[in-house]
Amino acid sequence: MAKVLVTLFHLLCFLITGFGLYYDTFVVTYGWSVYAGKVRYATYWDIVLQTIYFGLALVSDIYNRNDFDKNNAFSNELYSKTKLKRLVRYISCGMAFPLGNFVCLSFWIIFFFHRELIYPSYLDDIIPWWLNHILHSVPIVLQWLDKFFYNQTYPKNGVIGILALTGCYQVWMVWIAHRTRTWIYPFLDYLPIWYRILFLACMWGCLAGFYFVGEFLHYIFWTRKSRKNVKLY
């Protein structure tokens, strides 16, 4: 039963994120005419990553459906047998969870502070409200639910994954700013160079912080529970 629920959960997540990615890419064409198109935005990187992760997690669930232990459907040992499982685990812990949290929280914090800096009001007539939530609200919800339903032991040095991804995106941001003479996010144009550097440094800190939040959630949901069960015997 646990196997079926986890598989159905990943299927639902894949359908939601996949449809959002498809609609944002092929239906809402606004944003593709500028240099680098929507690929310039962290939101697009995130929805691509979320779709890839949940797709791979679904494939892993199906491919390894016979690896579930009836007495412990979420055994760490079972989830470490194949390279696919390790890849899914690393993407989840080291990339998808921290990036999904960062994109959603940073978007809404800036939105409520001054929405014109991150999501101008004219976009309400271009991007459907539900698509906006798939891009900026759903990822954080799905990732937290995934931590609750899906036991994945955090990989050693997994934080390197999100730090590397952050570094790549920051190089991408600076390159686009160099080519277009304007920053991807309008509020950066109003900041002095030292504040921009501080912003980029804070990105590293925030994303690394979300990685450790995910690790803490794994401890709360799974590790501590396992230790209590051991003590009972």
Foldseek 3Di string as FASTA:
>chain_A
DLLVVLLVLLVVQLVLLVVLLCCVPPPLQPQQVDVPGPVLDLLNVLSVLSNVLSVLVNVCSVVLVVLADPVHRQDQVSLPPDPSSVVSLLSLLQPNQLSLVCQQVVQVVVCVVPVCQRPNPVCCVRDPPVSVCSSRPPSNVSSLVCLQSHQYQHDVVSPVRHLVVLVVSVVSQVVVCVVVVAGPGNVVVVDDPVVVVVVSVVVSVSSSVSSVVSNVSSCVNPVVVVVVVVVVD
